[in-house]
Amino acid sequence: MSTWKRLGIGLLTTTMLIGGGMASAQKEQPKESDPFQNLGLSADQHTKLEAAKKDRMAALGASEQKMLDLRKKLVSLIFDKKASDKDIDQVVNQLGAADKEVLLSQIKFHKTIRQALTQEQLTTLSKGGSK
């Protein structure tokens, strides 16, 4: 692996670690209001959206932990002279796959919203949830 590629991976990893550390160091933000509260949801819509939110949070929690573990592993490999480039590339590929899982989970959630809401409700939601 070229020096520039290693440097790039090192900088990327350092940025991710610093960003993750800063995010965890921030105080918990006040809970945002529910973006669906002003949409006039039916009981069925409310049930579907609550289930989708619950599934999404579970998937994101698992993915977040997986990505954190992979980042730690990548950092340890980058700073280990004995680690092979192949091992580093393998962890980078695993990080890419985990990132894709997060994206697919988010898309699944948005598709559920799209299926559960009417066009008028979707339009209201896209404008910030206020009528």
C-alpha atoms as a PDB file:
ATOM      1  CA  MET A   1       0.000   0.000   0.000  1.00  0.00           C
ATOM      2  CA  SER A   2       1.366   3.409  -0.881  1.00  0.00           C
ATOM      3  CA  THR A   3       2.388   5.926   1.722  1.00  0.00           C
ATOM      4  CA  TRP A   4      -0.367   8.308   0.608  1.00  0.00           C
ATOM      5  CA  LYS A   5      -3.040   5.648   0.976  1.00  0.00           C
ATOM      6  CA  ARG A   6      -1.833   4.803   4.487  1.00  0.00           C
ATOM      7  CA  LEU A   7      -1.708   8.470   5.380  1.00  0.00           C
ATOM      8  CA  GLY A   8      -5.244   8.928   4.066  1.00  0.00           C
ATOM      9  CA  ILE A   9      -6.532   5.974   6.068  1.00  0.00           C
ATOM     10  CA  GLY A  10      -4.763   7.260   9.172  1.00  0.00           C
ATOM     11  CA  LEU A  11      -6.245  10.731   8.792  1.00  0.00           C
ATOM     12  CA  LEU A  12      -9.700   9.320   8.144  1.00  0.00           C
ATOM     13  CA  THR A  13      -9.484   7.080  11.176  1.00  0.00           C
ATOM     14  CA  THR A  14      -8.240   9.873  13.402  1.00  0.00           C
ATOM     15  CA  THR A  15     -11.062  12.109  12.208  1.00  0.00           C
ATOM     16  CA  MET A  16     -13.628   9.395  12.923  1.00  0.00           C
ATOM     17  CA  LEU A  17     -12.243   8.797  16.401  1.00  0.00           C
ATOM     18  CA  ILE A  18     -12.149  12.474  17.284  1.00  0.00           C
ATOM     19  CA  GLY A  19     -15.646  13.001  15.881  1.00  0.00           C
ATOM     20  CA  GLY A  20     -16.981  10.016  17.811  1.00  0.00           C
ATOM     21  CA  GLY A  21     -15.324  11.206  20.991  1.00  0.00           C
ATOM     22  CA  MET A  22     -16.733  14.682  20.619  1.00  0.00           C
ATOM     23  CA  ALA A  23     -20.207  13.317  19.926  1.00  0.00           C
ATOM     24  CA  SER A  24     -20.153  11.137  23.024  1.00  0.00           C
ATOM     25  CA  ALA A  25     -18.793  13.989  25.140  1.00  0.00           C
ATOM     26  CA  GLN A  26     -21.684  16.271  24.259  1.00  0.00           C
ATOM     27  CA  LYS A  27     -24.479  16.569  26.748  1.00  0.00           C
ATOM     28  CA  GLU A  28     -27.746  14.920  25.892  1.00  0.00           C
ATOM     29  CA  GLN A  29     -29.855  17.295  23.862  1.00  0.00           C
ATOM     30  CA  PRO A  30     -33.426  18.026  24.885  1.00  0.00           C
ATOM     31  CA  LYS A  31     -35.846  15.640  23.256  1.00  0.00           C
ATOM     32  CA  GLU A  32     -37.236  16.966  19.989  1.00  0.00           C
ATOM     33  CA  SER A  33     -40.954  17.104  19.460  1.00  0.00           C
ATOM     34  CA  ASP A  34     -42.492  14.251  17.522  1.00  0.00           C
ATOM     35  CA  PRO A  35     -42.515  15.226  13.821  1.00  0.00           C
ATOM     36  CA  PHE A  36     -45.641  13.094  13.334  1.00  0.00           C
ATOM     37  CA  GLN A  37     -47.776  14.742  16.038  1.00  0.00           C
ATOM     38  CA  ASN A  38     -49.326  17.384  13.756  1.00  0.00           C
ATOM     39  CA  LEU A  39     -50.197  15.010  10.929  1.00  0.00           C
ATOM     40  CA  GLY A  40     -53.558  13.789  12.227  1.00  0.00           C
ATOM     41  CA  LEU A  41     -52.514  10.139  12.244  1.00  0.00           C
ATOM     42  CA  SER A  42     -55.077   7.372  12.471  1.00  0.00           C
ATOM     43  CA  ALA A  43     -54.581   4.689  15.125  1.00  0.00           C
ATOM     44  CA  ASP A  44     -53.351   2.278  12.438  1.00  0.00           C
ATOM     45  CA  GLN A  45     -50.845   4.803  11.073  1.00  0.00           C
ATOM     46  CA  HIS A  46     -49.624   5.592  14.573  1.00  0.00           C
ATOM     47  CA  THR A  47     -49.101   1.880  15.319  1.00  0.00           C
ATOM     48  CA  LYS A  48     -47.190   1.325  12.062  1.00  0.00           C
ATOM     49  CA  LEU A  49     -44.942   4.341  12.608  1.00  0.00           C
ATOM     50  CA  GLU A  50     -44.204   3.455  16.233  1.00  0.00           C
ATOM     51  CA  ALA A  51     -43.229  -0.086  15.198  1.00  0.00           C
ATOM     52  CA  ALA A  52     -41.033   1.287  12.399  1.00  0.00           C
ATOM     53  CA  LYS A  53     -39.325   3.750  14.779  1.00  0.00           C
ATOM     54  CA  LYS A  54     -38.699   0.972  17.297  1.00  0.00           C
ATOM     55  CA  ASP A  55     -37.201  -1.303  14.608  1.00  0.00           C
ATOM     56  CA  ARG A  56     -35.051   1.521  13.279  1.00  0.00           C
ATOM     57  CA  MET A  57     -33.668   2.394  16.709  1.00  0.00           C
ATOM     58  CA  ALA A  58     -32.806  -1.251  17.409  1.00  0.00           C
ATOM     59  CA  ALA A  59     -31.064  -1.612  14.046  1.00  0.00           C
ATOM     60  CA  LEU A  60     -29.155   1.643  14.455  1.00  0.00           C
ATOM     61  CA  GLY A  61     -28.041   0.716  17.964  1.00  0.00           C
ATOM     62  CA  ALA A  62     -26.636  -2.602  16.791  1.00  0.00           C
ATOM     63  CA  SER A  63     -24.984  -1.015  13.755  1.00  0.00           C
ATOM     64  CA  GLU A  64     -23.482   1.783  15.823  1.00  0.00           C
ATOM     65  CA  GLN A  65     -21.824  -0.691  18.177  1.00  0.00           C
ATOM     66  CA  LYS A  66     -20.567  -2.769  15.251  1.00  0.00           C
ATOM     67  CA  MET A  67     -19.058   0.293  13.563  1.00  0.00           C
ATOM     68  CA  LEU A  68     -17.460   1.437  16.814  1.00  0.00           C
ATOM     69  CA  ASP A  69     -15.836  -1.979  17.261  1.00  0.00           C
ATOM     70  CA  LEU A  70     -14.606  -1.977  13.646  1.00  0.00           C
ATOM     71  CA  ARG A  71     -13.146   1.532  14.005  1.00  0.00           C
ATOM     72  CA  LYS A  72     -11.258   0.481  17.125  1.00  0.00           C
ATOM     73  CA  LYS A  73      -9.954  -2.570  15.291  1.00  0.00           C
ATOM     74  CA  LEU A  74      -8.898  -0.429  12.322  1.00  0.00           C
ATOM     75  CA  VAL A  75      -7.016   2.006  14.535  1.00  0.00           C
ATOM     76  CA  SER A  76      -5.188  -0.819  16.284  1.00  0.00           C
ATOM     77  CA  LEU A  77      -4.234  -2.336  12.914  1.00  0.00           C
ATOM     78  CA  ILE A  78      -3.036   0.985  11.511  1.00  0.00           C
ATOM     79  CA  PHE A  79      -0.728   1.502  14.455  1.00  0.00           C
ATOM     80  CA  ASP A  80       0.515  -2.098  14.445  1.00  0.00           C
ATOM     81  CA  LYS A  81       3.591  -2.474  12.251  1.00  0.00           C
ATOM     82  CA  LYS A  82       2.965  -6.234  12.033  1.00  0.00           C
ATOM     83  CA  ALA A  83      -0.548  -5.834  10.602  1.00  0.00           C
ATOM     84  CA  SER A  84      -0.779  -6.549   6.907  1.00  0.00           C
ATOM     85  CA  ASP A  85      -2.307  -4.226   4.351  1.00  0.00           C
ATOM     86  CA  LYS A  86      -4.749  -7.013   3.559  1.00  0.00           C
ATOM     87  CA  ASP A  87      -5.982  -7.050   7.167  1.00  0.00           C
ATOM     88  CA  ILE A  88      -6.433  -3.270   7.137  1.00  0.00           C
ATOM     89  CA  ASP A  89      -8.274  -3.380   3.815  1.00  0.00           C
ATOM     90  CA  GLN A  90     -10.519  -6.148   5.130  1.00  0.00           C
ATOM     91  CA  VAL A  91     -11.591  -4.050   8.120  1.00  0.00           C
ATOM     92  CA  VAL A  92     -12.136  -1.029   5.850  1.00  0.00           C
ATOM     93  CA  ASN A  93     -14.394  -3.192   3.669  1.00  0.00           C
ATOM     94  CA  GLN A  94     -16.290  -4.359   6.757  1.00  0.00           C
ATOM     95  CA  LEU A  95     -16.779  -0.726   7.772  1.00  0.00           C
ATOM     96  CA  GLY A  96     -18.164   0.009   4.312  1.00  0.00           C
ATOM     97  CA  ALA A  97     -20.580  -2.912   4.592  1.00  0.00           C
ATOM     98  CA  ALA A  98     -21.713  -1.764   8.048  1.00  0.00           C
ATOM     99  CA  ASP A  99     -22.267   1.755   6.715  1.00  0.00           C
ATOM    100  CA  LYS A 100     -24.379   0.293   3.918  1.00  0.00           C
ATOM    101  CA  GLU A 101     -26.467  -1.598   6.503  1.00  0.00           C
ATOM    102  CA  VAL A 102     -27.197   1.687   8.283  1.00  0.00           C
ATOM    103  CA  LEU A 103     -28.255   3.331   5.032  1.00  0.00           C
ATOM    104  CA  LEU A 104     -30.518   0.408   4.125  1.00  0.00           C
ATOM    105  CA  SER A 105     -32.104   0.544   7.584  1.00  0.00           C
ATOM    106  CA  GLN A 106     -32.824   4.249   7.171  1.00  0.00           C
ATOM    107  CA  ILE A 107     -34.268   3.719   3.686  1.00  0.00           C
ATOM    108  CA  LYS A 108     -36.503   0.917   5.006  1.00  0.00           C
ATOM    109  CA  PHE A 109     -37.794   3.293   7.694  1.00  0.00           C
ATOM    110  CA  HIS A 110     -38.549   6.014   5.149  1.00  0.00           C
ATOM    111  CA  LYS A 111     -40.310   3.534   2.873  1.00  0.00           C
ATOM    112  CA  THR A 112     -42.507   2.501   5.793  1.00  0.00           C
ATOM    113  CA  ILE A 113     -43.359   6.147   6.430  1.00  0.00           C
ATOM    114  CA  ARG A 114     -44.128   6.589   2.750  1.00  0.00           C
ATOM    115  CA  GLN A 115     -46.456   3.584   2.730  1.00  0.00           C
ATOM    116  CA  ALA A 116     -48.261   4.508   5.953  1.00  0.00           C
ATOM    117  CA  LEU A 117     -48.955   8.191   5.290  1.00  0.00           C
ATOM    118  CA  THR A 118     -51.214   9.873   2.771  1.00  0.00           C
ATOM    119  CA  GLN A 119     -49.759  12.272   0.206  1.00  0.00           C
ATOM    120  CA  GLU A 120     -51.103  15.228   2.175  1.00  0.00           C
ATOM    121  CA  GLN A 121     -49.419  13.959   5.349  1.00  0.00           C
ATOM    122  CA  LEU A 122     -46.153  13.377   3.464  1.00  0.00           C
ATOM    123  CA  THR A 123     -46.270  16.914   2.094  1.00  0.00           C
ATOM    124  CA  THR A 124     -46.904  18.317   5.577  1.00  0.00           C
ATOM    125  CA  LEU A 125     -44.055  16.229   6.993  1.00  0.00           C
ATOM    126  CA  SER A 126     -41.677  17.440   4.268  1.00  0.00           C
ATOM    127  CA  LYS A 127     -42.456  21.022   5.288  1.00  0.00           C
ATOM    128  CA  GLY A 128     -41.475  20.408   8.892  1.00  0.00           C
ATOM    129  CA  GLY A 129     -44.642  18.822  10.216  1.00  0.00           C
ATOM    130  CA  SER A 130     -46.657  22.007  10.679  1.00  0.00           C
ATOM    131  CA  LYS A 131     -49.817  22.585   8.714  1.00  0.00           C
END
